[in-house]
């Protein structure tokens, strides 16, 4: 099991840039060629969605597309070492 490097609860809105949290934890994450694995679980779901590979910019854009203009939700962000090529982010919607 990979070690958790960072865990943070974030209130995500279209105005909140998830990348600032990711880049603070791992400054090299966010370059266009740096793909990472995203596993996410939405509120009320019993299962985790499968791995999807994103760059950090794509991750943020994808989350924004899930939101309505004035919607916000809380996400528990866990960052794991995946390997030398990337990281795994677990995003669990908690509200």
PDB file of N, CA and C in Angstrom:
ATOM      1  N   UNK A   1       0.850  -1.191   0.000  1.00  0.00           N
ATOM      2  CA  UNK A   1       0.000   0.000   0.000  1.00  0.00           C
ATOM      3  C   UNK A   1       0.884   1.239   0.000  1.00  0.00           C
ATOM      4  N   UNK A   2       0.567   2.164  -0.851  1.00  0.00           N
ATOM      5  CA  UNK A   2       1.351   3.393  -0.949  1.00  0.00           C
ATOM      6  C   UNK A   2       1.138   4.249   0.293  1.00  0.00           C
ATOM      7  N   UNK A   3       2.151   4.996   0.619  1.00  0.00           N
ATOM      8  CA  UNK A   3       2.096   5.855   1.790  1.00  0.00           C
ATOM      9  C   UNK A   3       1.371   7.154   1.453  1.00  0.00           C
ATOM     10  N   UNK A   4       0.481   7.576   2.356  1.00  0.00           N
ATOM     11  CA  UNK A   4      -0.180   8.871   2.172  1.00  0.00           C
ATOM     12  C   UNK A   4       0.836   9.962   2.459  1.00  0.00           C
ATOM     13  N   UNK A   5       1.002  10.871   1.525  1.00  0.00           N
ATOM     14  CA  UNK A   5       1.912  11.989   1.703  1.00  0.00           C
ATOM     15  C   UNK A   5       1.202  13.229   2.210  1.00  0.00           C
ATOM     16  N   UNK A   6      -0.053  13.390   1.851  1.00  0.00           N
ATOM     17  CA  UNK A   6      -0.786  14.589   2.225  1.00  0.00           C
ATOM     18  C   UNK A   6      -2.264  14.239   2.259  1.00  0.00           C
ATOM     19  N   UNK A   7      -2.961  14.768   3.260  1.00  0.00           N
ATOM     20  CA  UNK A   7      -4.408  14.595   3.307  1.00  0.00           C
ATOM     21  C   UNK A   7      -5.011  15.921   3.722  1.00  0.00           C
ATOM     22  N   UNK A   8      -5.990  16.386   2.986  1.00  0.00           N
ATOM     23  CA  UNK A   8      -6.571  17.691   3.261  1.00  0.00           C
ATOM     24  C   UNK A   8      -8.023  17.679   2.826  1.00  0.00           C
ATOM     25  N   UNK A   9      -8.874  18.338   3.615  1.00  0.00           N
ATOM     26  CA  UNK A   9     -10.258  18.527   3.218  1.00  0.00           C
ATOM     27  C   UNK A   9     -10.375  19.890   2.559  1.00  0.00           C
ATOM     28  N   UNK A  10     -10.947  19.913   1.376  1.00  0.00           N
ATOM     29  CA  UNK A  10     -11.022  21.119   0.559  1.00  0.00           C
ATOM     30  C   UNK A  10     -12.480  21.381   0.219  1.00  0.00           C
ATOM     31  N   UNK A  11     -12.891  22.638   0.339  1.00  0.00           N
ATOM     32  CA  UNK A  11     -14.185  23.027  -0.199  1.00  0.00           C
ATOM     33  C   UNK A  11     -13.948  23.497  -1.621  1.00  0.00           C
ATOM     34  N   UNK A  12     -14.449  22.748  -2.578  1.00  0.00           N
ATOM     35  CA  UNK A  12     -14.177  23.019  -3.991  1.00  0.00           C
ATOM     36  C   UNK A  12     -15.326  23.807  -4.597  1.00  0.00           C
ATOM     37  N   UNK A  13     -14.997  24.938  -5.187  1.00  0.00           N
ATOM     38  CA  UNK A  13     -15.931  25.697  -6.005  1.00  0.00           C
ATOM     39  C   UNK A  13     -15.193  26.033  -7.292  1.00  0.00           C
ATOM     40  N   UNK A  14     -15.888  26.652  -8.216  1.00  0.00           N
ATOM     41  CA  UNK A  14     -15.215  27.051  -9.446  1.00  0.00           C
ATOM     42  C   UNK A  14     -14.130  28.088  -9.173  1.00  0.00           C
ATOM     43  N   UNK A  15     -14.244  28.805  -8.051  1.00  0.00           N
ATOM     44  CA  UNK A  15     -13.256  29.832  -7.737  1.00  0.00           C
ATOM     45  C   UNK A  15     -12.049  29.281  -6.975  1.00  0.00           C
ATOM     46  N   UNK A  16     -12.142  28.060  -6.478  1.00  0.00           N
ATOM     47  CA  UNK A  16     -11.047  27.476  -5.703  1.00  0.00           C
ATOM     48  C   UNK A  16     -10.214  26.602  -6.628  1.00  0.00           C
ATOM     49  N   UNK A  17      -8.934  26.903  -6.694  1.00  0.00           N
ATOM     50  CA  UNK A  17      -8.044  26.166  -7.585  1.00  0.00           C
ATOM     51  C   UNK A  17      -7.415  25.011  -6.823  1.00  0.00           C
ATOM     52  N   UNK A  18      -7.853  23.813  -7.140  1.00  0.00           N
ATOM     53  CA  UNK A  18      -7.310  22.626  -6.477  1.00  0.00           C
ATOM     54  C   UNK A  18      -5.809  22.499  -6.694  1.00  0.00           C
ATOM     55  N   UNK A  19      -5.318  23.046  -7.802  1.00  0.00           N
ATOM     56  CA  UNK A  19      -3.899  22.894  -8.114  1.00  0.00           C
ATOM     57  C   UNK A  19      -3.002  23.504  -7.058  1.00  0.00           C
ATOM     58  N   UNK A  20      -3.450  24.573  -6.396  1.00  0.00           N
ATOM     59  CA  UNK A  20      -2.570  25.185  -5.401  1.00  0.00           C
ATOM     60  C   UNK A  20      -2.296  24.221  -4.248  1.00  0.00           C
ATOM     61  N   UNK A  21      -3.268  23.383  -3.910  1.00  0.00           N
ATOM     62  CA  UNK A  21      -3.047  22.393  -2.858  1.00  0.00           C
ATOM     63  C   UNK A  21      -2.102  21.299  -3.335  1.00  0.00           C
ATOM     64  N   UNK A  22      -2.309  20.875  -4.578  1.00  0.00           N
ATOM     65  CA  UNK A  22      -1.460  19.822  -5.128  1.00  0.00           C
ATOM     66  C   UNK A  22      -0.028  20.316  -5.288  1.00  0.00           C
ATOM     67  N   UNK A  23       0.119  21.509  -5.831  1.00  0.00           N
ATOM     68  CA  UNK A  23       1.463  22.028  -6.087  1.00  0.00           C
ATOM     69  C   UNK A  23       2.210  22.343  -4.798  1.00  0.00           C
ATOM     70  N   UNK A  24       1.484  22.696  -3.745  1.00  0.00           N
ATOM     71  CA  UNK A  24       2.139  22.933  -2.459  1.00  0.00           C
ATOM     72  C   UNK A  24       2.702  21.626  -1.903  1.00  0.00           C
ATOM     73  N   UNK A  25       1.948  20.542  -2.084  1.00  0.00           N
ATOM     74  CA  UNK A  25       2.406  19.244  -1.597  1.00  0.00           C
ATOM     75  C   UNK A  25       3.539  18.699  -2.460  1.00  0.00           C
ATOM     76  N   UNK A  26       3.404  18.871  -3.768  1.00  0.00           N
ATOM     77  CA  UNK A  26       4.373  18.319  -4.712  1.00  0.00           C
ATOM     78  C   UNK A  26       4.645  19.354  -5.791  1.00  0.00           C
ATOM     79  N   UNK A  27       5.652  20.200  -5.610  1.00  0.00           N
ATOM     80  CA  UNK A  27       5.886  21.304  -6.544  1.00  0.00           C
ATOM     81  C   UNK A  27       6.044  20.878  -7.999  1.00  0.00           C
ATOM     82  N   UNK A  28       6.556  19.672  -8.251  1.00  0.00           N
ATOM     83  CA  UNK A  28       6.765  19.293  -9.654  1.00  0.00           C
ATOM     84  C   UNK A  28       5.491  18.791 -10.333  1.00  0.00           C
ATOM     85  N   UNK A  29       4.451  18.522  -9.560  1.00  0.00           N
ATOM     86  CA  UNK A  29       3.194  18.098 -10.158  1.00  0.00           C
ATOM     87  C   UNK A  29       2.561  19.289 -10.862  1.00  0.00           C
ATOM     88  N   UNK A  30       2.028  19.065 -12.032  1.00  0.00           N
ATOM     89  CA  UNK A  30       1.350  20.131 -12.747  1.00  0.00           C
ATOM     90  C   UNK A  30       1.973  20.423 -14.085  1.00  0.00           C
ATOM     91  N   UNK A  31       3.157  19.881 -14.339  1.00  0.00           N
ATOM     92  CA  UNK A  31       3.716  20.035 -15.672  1.00  0.00           C
ATOM     93  C   UNK A  31       2.867  19.226 -16.637  1.00  0.00           C
ATOM     94  N   UNK A  32       2.812  19.672 -17.864  1.00  0.00           N
ATOM     95  CA  UNK A  32       1.862  19.081 -18.803  1.00  0.00           C
ATOM     96  C   UNK A  32       2.141  17.603 -19.066  1.00  0.00           C
ATOM     97  N   UNK A  33       3.389  17.176 -18.925  1.00  0.00           N
ATOM     98  CA  UNK A  33       3.712  15.779 -19.214  1.00  0.00           C
ATOM     99  C   UNK A  33       3.607  14.888 -17.983  1.00  0.00           C
ATOM    100  N   UNK A  34       3.287  15.456 -16.830  1.00  0.00           N
ATOM    101  CA  UNK A  34       3.305  14.692 -15.587  1.00  0.00           C
ATOM    102  C   UNK A  34       1.910  14.137 -15.311  1.00  0.00           C
ATOM    103  N   UNK A  35       1.692  12.908 -15.667  1.00  0.00           N
ATOM    104  CA  UNK A  35       0.372  12.298 -15.474  1.00  0.00           C
ATOM    105  C   UNK A  35       0.276  11.673 -14.094  1.00  0.00           C
ATOM    106  N   UNK A  36      -0.893  11.754 -13.518  1.00  0.00           N
ATOM    107  CA  UNK A  36      -1.146  11.162 -12.219  1.00  0.00           C
ATOM    108  C   UNK A  36      -2.449  10.387 -12.270  1.00  0.00           C
ATOM    109  N   UNK A  37      -2.576   9.473 -11.355  1.00  0.00           N
ATOM    110  CA  UNK A  37      -3.770   8.638 -11.279  1.00  0.00           C
ATOM    111  C   UNK A  37      -4.777   9.292 -10.345  1.00  0.00           C
ATOM    112  N   UNK A  38      -6.010   9.330 -10.771  1.00  0.00           N
ATOM    113  CA  UNK A  38      -7.078   9.867  -9.938  1.00  0.00           C
ATOM    114  C   UNK A  38      -8.070   8.753  -9.642  1.00  0.00           C
ATOM    115  N   UNK A  39      -8.346   8.559  -8.371  1.00  0.00           N
ATOM    116  CA  UNK A  39      -9.411   7.656  -7.942  1.00  0.00           C
ATOM    117  C   UNK A  39     -10.389   8.527  -7.167  1.00  0.00           C
ATOM    118  N   UNK A  40     -11.656   8.492  -7.545  1.00  0.00           N
ATOM    119  CA  UNK A  40     -12.571   9.368  -6.834  1.00  0.00           C
ATOM    120  C   UNK A  40     -13.842   8.628  -6.445  1.00  0.00           C
ATOM    121  N   UNK A  41     -14.466   9.141  -5.401  1.00  0.00           N
ATOM    122  CA  UNK A  41     -15.662   8.521  -4.846  1.00  0.00           C
ATOM    123  C   UNK A  41     -16.635   9.645  -4.526  1.00  0.00           C
ATOM    124  N   UNK A  42     -17.806   9.598  -5.128  1.00  0.00           N
ATOM    125  CA  UNK A  42     -18.792  10.636  -4.880  1.00  0.00           C
ATOM    126  C   UNK A  42     -19.691  10.240  -3.720  1.00  0.00           C
ATOM    127  N   UNK A  43     -20.289  11.245  -3.117  1.00  0.00           N
ATOM    128  CA  UNK A  43     -21.156  11.034  -1.964  1.00  0.00           C
ATOM    129  C   UNK A  43     -22.255  10.039  -2.307  1.00  0.00           C
ATOM    130  N   UNK A  44     -22.480   9.093  -1.425  1.00  0.00           N
ATOM    131  CA  UNK A  44     -23.537   8.122  -1.629  1.00  0.00           C
ATOM    132  C   UNK A  44     -23.130   6.914  -2.450  1.00  0.00           C
ATOM    133  N   UNK A  45     -21.944   6.957  -3.016  1.00  0.00           N
ATOM    134  CA  UNK A  45     -21.477   5.843  -3.835  1.00  0.00           C
ATOM    135  C   UNK A  45     -20.793   4.814  -2.944  1.00  0.00           C
ATOM    136  N   UNK A  46     -21.026   3.551  -3.244  1.00  0.00           N
ATOM    137  CA  UNK A  46     -20.397   2.490  -2.459  1.00  0.00           C
ATOM    138  C   UNK A  46     -19.047   2.072  -3.016  1.00  0.00           C
ATOM    139  N   UNK A  47     -18.739   2.524  -4.213  1.00  0.00           N
ATOM    140  CA  UNK A  47     -17.505   2.046  -4.833  1.00  0.00           C
ATOM    141  C   UNK A  47     -16.671   3.206  -5.359  1.00  0.00           C
ATOM    142  N   UNK A  48     -15.393   2.962  -5.440  1.00  0.00           N
ATOM    143  CA  UNK A  48     -14.475   3.932  -6.010  1.00  0.00           C
ATOM    144  C   UNK A  48     -14.487   3.782  -7.517  1.00  0.00           C
ATOM    145  N   UNK A  49     -14.465   4.903  -8.208  1.00  0.00           N
ATOM    146  CA  UNK A  49     -14.351   4.869  -9.665  1.00  0.00           C
ATOM    147  C   UNK A  49     -12.937   4.420 -10.027  1.00  0.00           C
ATOM    148  N   UNK A  50     -12.769   3.798 -11.178  1.00  0.00           N
ATOM    149  CA  UNK A  50     -11.446   3.267 -11.527  1.00  0.00           C
ATOM    150  C   UNK A  50     -10.417   4.361 -11.778  1.00  0.00           C
ATOM    151  N   UNK A  51      -9.174   3.932 -11.796  1.00  0.00           N
ATOM    152  CA  UNK A  51      -8.079   4.862 -12.086  1.00  0.00           C
ATOM    153  C   UNK A  51      -8.296   5.555 -13.421  1.00  0.00           C
ATOM    154  N   UNK A  52      -8.108   6.855 -13.418  1.00  0.00           N
ATOM    155  CA  UNK A  52      -8.114   7.650 -14.639  1.00  0.00           C
ATOM    156  C   UNK A  52      -6.860   8.507 -14.558  1.00  0.00           C
ATOM    157  N   UNK A  53      -6.127   8.577 -15.646  1.00  0.00           N
ATOM    158  CA  UNK A  53      -4.875   9.326 -15.605  1.00  0.00           C
ATOM    159  C   UNK A  53      -5.068  10.736 -16.139  1.00  0.00           C
ATOM    160  N   UNK A  54      -4.603  11.701 -15.362  1.00  0.00           N
ATOM    161  CA  UNK A  54      -4.741  13.116 -15.659  1.00  0.00           C
ATOM    162  C   UNK A  54      -3.417  13.814 -15.424  1.00  0.00           C
ATOM    163  N   UNK A  55      -3.194  14.911 -16.128  1.00  0.00           N
ATOM    164  CA  UNK A  55      -2.227  15.880 -15.621  1.00  0.00           C
ATOM    165  C   UNK A  55      -2.955  16.676 -14.544  1.00  0.00           C
ATOM    166  N   UNK A  56      -2.225  17.405 -13.730  1.00  0.00           N
ATOM    167  CA  UNK A  56      -2.859  18.173 -12.663  1.00  0.00           C
ATOM    168  C   UNK A  56      -3.822  19.216 -13.230  1.00  0.00           C
ATOM    169  N   UNK A  57      -3.475  19.823 -14.354  1.00  0.00           N
ATOM    170  CA  UNK A  57      -4.377  20.801 -14.964  1.00  0.00           C
ATOM    171  C   UNK A  57      -5.676  20.147 -15.421  1.00  0.00           C
ATOM    172  N   UNK A  58      -5.580  18.972 -16.009  1.00  0.00           N
ATOM    173  CA  UNK A  58      -6.777  18.254 -16.446  1.00  0.00           C
ATOM    174  C   UNK A  58      -7.637  17.855 -15.254  1.00  0.00           C
ATOM    175  N   UNK A  59      -7.000  17.488 -14.154  1.00  0.00           N
ATOM    176  CA  UNK A  59      -7.721  17.130 -12.942  1.00  0.00           C
ATOM    177  C   UNK A  59      -8.570  18.299 -12.472  1.00  0.00           C
ATOM    178  N   UNK A  60      -7.978  19.479 -12.400  1.00  0.00           N
ATOM    179  CA  UNK A  60      -8.712  20.651 -11.937  1.00  0.00           C
ATOM    180  C   UNK A  60      -9.856  20.990 -12.898  1.00  0.00           C
ATOM    181  N   UNK A  61      -9.585  20.947 -14.198  1.00  0.00           N
ATOM    182  CA  UNK A  61     -10.621  21.249 -15.191  1.00  0.00           C
ATOM    183  C   UNK A  61     -11.775  20.249 -15.104  1.00  0.00           C
ATOM    184  N   UNK A  62     -11.451  18.987 -14.880  1.00  0.00           N
ATOM    185  CA  UNK A  62     -12.481  17.958 -14.785  1.00  0.00           C
ATOM    186  C   UNK A  62     -13.377  18.194 -13.584  1.00  0.00           C
ATOM    187  N   UNK A  63     -12.788  18.556 -12.447  1.00  0.00           N
ATOM    188  CA  UNK A  63     -13.598  18.839 -11.265  1.00  0.00           C
ATOM    189  C   UNK A  63     -14.495  20.048 -11.495  1.00  0.00           C
ATOM    190  N   UNK A  64     -13.965  21.071 -12.157  1.00  0.00           N
ATOM    191  CA  UNK A  64     -14.787  22.249 -12.448  1.00  0.00           C
ATOM    192  C   UNK A  64     -16.000  21.883 -13.297  1.00  0.00           C
ATOM    193  N   UNK A  65     -15.837  20.968 -14.235  1.00  0.00           N
ATOM    194  CA  UNK A  65     -16.944  20.576 -15.107  1.00  0.00           C
ATOM    195  C   UNK A  65     -18.033  19.825 -14.340  1.00  0.00           C
ATOM    196  N   UNK A  66     -17.692  19.237 -13.203  1.00  0.00           N
ATOM    197  CA  UNK A  66     -18.681  18.530 -12.399  1.00  0.00           C
ATOM    198  C   UNK A  66     -19.563  19.483 -11.603  1.00  0.00           C
ATOM    199  N   UNK A  67     -19.156  20.734 -11.487  1.00  0.00           N
ATOM    200  CA  UNK A  67     -19.846  21.697 -10.639  1.00  0.00           C
ATOM    201  C   UNK A  67     -20.807  22.564 -11.434  1.00  0.00           C
ATOM    202  N   UNK A  68     -21.944  22.857 -10.841  1.00  0.00           N
ATOM    203  CA  UNK A  68     -22.832  23.893 -11.355  1.00  0.00           C
ATOM    204  C   UNK A  68     -22.239  25.245 -10.954  1.00  0.00           C
ATOM    205  N   UNK A  69     -22.690  26.360 -11.571  1.00  0.00           N
ATOM    206  CA  UNK A  69     -22.031  27.651 -11.331  1.00  0.00           C
ATOM    207  C   UNK A  69     -21.880  28.045  -9.861  1.00  0.00           C
ATOM    208  N   UNK A  70     -22.901  27.831  -9.039  1.00  0.00           N
ATOM    209  CA  UNK A  70     -22.816  28.248  -7.638  1.00  0.00           C
ATOM    210  C   UNK A  70     -22.671  27.077  -6.678  1.00  0.00           C
ATOM    211  N   UNK A  71     -22.411  25.912  -7.216  1.00  0.00           N
ATOM    212  CA  UNK A  71     -22.312  24.716  -6.384  1.00  0.00           C
ATOM    213  C   UNK A  71     -20.951  24.657  -5.704  1.00  0.00           C
ATOM    214  N   UNK A  72     -20.937  24.058  -4.542  1.00  0.00           N
ATOM    215  CA  UNK A  72     -19.664  23.746  -3.908  1.00  0.00           C
ATOM    216  C   UNK A  72     -19.821  22.404  -3.208  1.00  0.00           C
ATOM    217  N   UNK A  73     -18.732  21.716  -3.060  1.00  0.00           N
ATOM    218  CA  UNK A  73     -18.762  20.496  -2.278  1.00  0.00           C
ATOM    219  C   UNK A  73     -17.414  20.308  -1.620  1.00  0.00           C
ATOM    220  N   UNK A  74     -17.419  19.502  -0.581  1.00  0.00           N
ATOM    221  CA  UNK A  74     -16.169  19.239   0.123  1.00  0.00           C
ATOM    222  C   UNK A  74     -15.573  17.942  -0.381  1.00  0.00           C
ATOM    223  N   UNK A  75     -14.279  17.982  -0.571  1.00  0.00           N
ATOM    224  CA  UNK A  75     -13.532  16.828  -1.036  1.00  0.00           C
ATOM    225  C   UNK A  75     -12.437  16.518  -0.035  1.00  0.00           C
ATOM    226  N   UNK A  76     -12.269  15.256   0.268  1.00  0.00           N
ATOM    227  CA  UNK A  76     -11.087  14.843   1.020  1.00  0.00           C
ATOM    228  C   UNK A  76     -10.052  14.436  -0.012  1.00  0.00           C
ATOM    229  N   UNK A  77      -8.954  15.160  -0.043  1.00  0.00           N
ATOM    230  CA  UNK A  77      -7.877  14.910  -1.003  1.00  0.00           C
ATOM    231  C   UNK A  77      -6.765  14.157  -0.293  1.00  0.00           C
ATOM    232  N   UNK A  78      -6.441  12.977  -0.806  1.00  0.00           N
ATOM    233  CA  UNK A  78      -5.305  12.216  -0.292  1.00  0.00           C
ATOM    234  C   UNK A  78      -4.325  12.050  -1.442  1.00  0.00           C
ATOM    235  N   UNK A  79      -3.079  12.332  -1.172  1.00  0.00           N
ATOM    236  CA  UNK A  79      -2.050  12.217  -2.202  1.00  0.00           C
ATOM    237  C   UNK A  79      -1.112  11.089  -1.808  1.00  0.00           C
ATOM    238  N   UNK A  80      -0.913  10.149  -2.703  1.00  0.00           N
ATOM    239  CA  UNK A  80      -0.037   9.008  -2.467  1.00  0.00           C
ATOM    240  C   UNK A  80       1.097   9.030  -3.480  1.00  0.00           C
ATOM    241  N   UNK A  81       2.237   8.470  -3.090  1.00  0.00           N
ATOM    242  CA  UNK A  81       3.260   8.162  -4.080  1.00  0.00           C
ATOM    243  C   UNK A  81       2.729   7.035  -4.953  1.00  0.00           C
ATOM    244  N   UNK A  82       2.832   7.193  -6.260  1.00  0.00           N
ATOM    245  CA  UNK A  82       2.434   6.121  -7.171  1.00  0.00           C
ATOM    246  C   UNK A  82       3.685   5.393  -7.642  1.00  0.00           C
ATOM    247  N   UNK A  83       4.568   6.147  -8.219  1.00  0.00           N
ATOM    248  CA  UNK A  83       5.892   5.676  -8.601  1.00  0.00           C
ATOM    249  C   UNK A  83       6.657   6.921  -9.028  1.00  0.00           C
ATOM    250  N   UNK A  84       7.809   6.762  -9.600  1.00  0.00           N
ATOM    251  CA  UNK A  84       8.584   7.947  -9.965  1.00  0.00           C
ATOM    252  C   UNK A  84       7.946   8.733 -11.105  1.00  0.00           C
ATOM    253  N   UNK A  85       6.957   8.156 -11.763  1.00  0.00           N
ATOM    254  CA  UNK A  85       6.315   8.835 -12.887  1.00  0.00           C
ATOM    255  C   UNK A  85       5.092   9.641 -12.493  1.00  0.00           C
ATOM    256  N   UNK A  86       4.606   9.486 -11.268  1.00  0.00           N
ATOM    257  CA  UNK A  86       3.400  10.224 -10.914  1.00  0.00           C
ATOM    258  C   UNK A  86       2.966   9.969  -9.492  1.00  0.00           C
ATOM    259  N   UNK A  87       1.809  10.504  -9.170  1.00  0.00           N
ATOM    260  CA  UNK A  87       1.213  10.341  -7.853  1.00  0.00           C
ATOM    261  C   UNK A  87      -0.213   9.855  -8.033  1.00  0.00           C
ATOM    262  N   UNK A  88      -0.769   9.324  -6.969  1.00  0.00           N
ATOM    263  CA  UNK A  88      -2.177   8.946  -6.988  1.00  0.00           C
ATOM    264  C   UNK A  88      -2.932   9.919  -6.086  1.00  0.00           C
ATOM    265  N   UNK A  89      -3.997  10.457  -6.606  1.00  0.00           N
ATOM    266  CA  UNK A  89      -4.851  11.335  -5.829  1.00  0.00           C
ATOM    267  C   UNK A  89      -6.160  10.609  -5.573  1.00  0.00           C
ATOM    268  N   UNK A  90      -6.578  10.543  -4.332  1.00  0.00           N
ATOM    269  CA  UNK A  90      -7.906  10.041  -4.010  1.00  0.00           C
ATOM    270  C   UNK A  90      -8.748  11.242  -3.621  1.00  0.00           C
ATOM    271  N   UNK A  91      -9.858  11.408  -4.296  1.00  0.00           N
ATOM    272  CA  UNK A  91     -10.782  12.488  -4.001  1.00  0.00           C
ATOM    273  C   UNK A  91     -12.097  11.876  -3.565  1.00  0.00           C
ATOM    274  N   UNK A  92     -12.484  12.140  -2.341  1.00  0.00           N
ATOM    275  CA  UNK A  92     -13.743  11.607  -1.837  1.00  0.00           C
ATOM    276  C   UNK A  92     -14.659  12.776  -1.522  1.00  0.00           C
ATOM    277  N   UNK A  93     -15.809  12.801  -2.166  1.00  0.00           N
ATOM    278  CA  UNK A  93     -16.773  13.866  -1.901  1.00  0.00           C
ATOM    279  C   UNK A  93     -17.458  13.567  -0.582  1.00  0.00           C
ATOM    280  N   UNK A  94     -17.385  14.514   0.354  1.00  0.00           N
ATOM    281  CA  UNK A  94     -17.936  14.261   1.680  1.00  0.00           C
ATOM    282  C   UNK A  94     -19.152  15.119   1.999  1.00  0.00           C
ATOM    283  N   UNK A  95     -19.421  16.152   1.205  1.00  0.00           N
ATOM    284  CA  UNK A  95     -20.639  16.958   1.390  1.00  0.00           C
ATOM    285  C   UNK A  95     -21.147  17.408   0.052  1.00  0.00           C
TER     286      UNK A  95
END
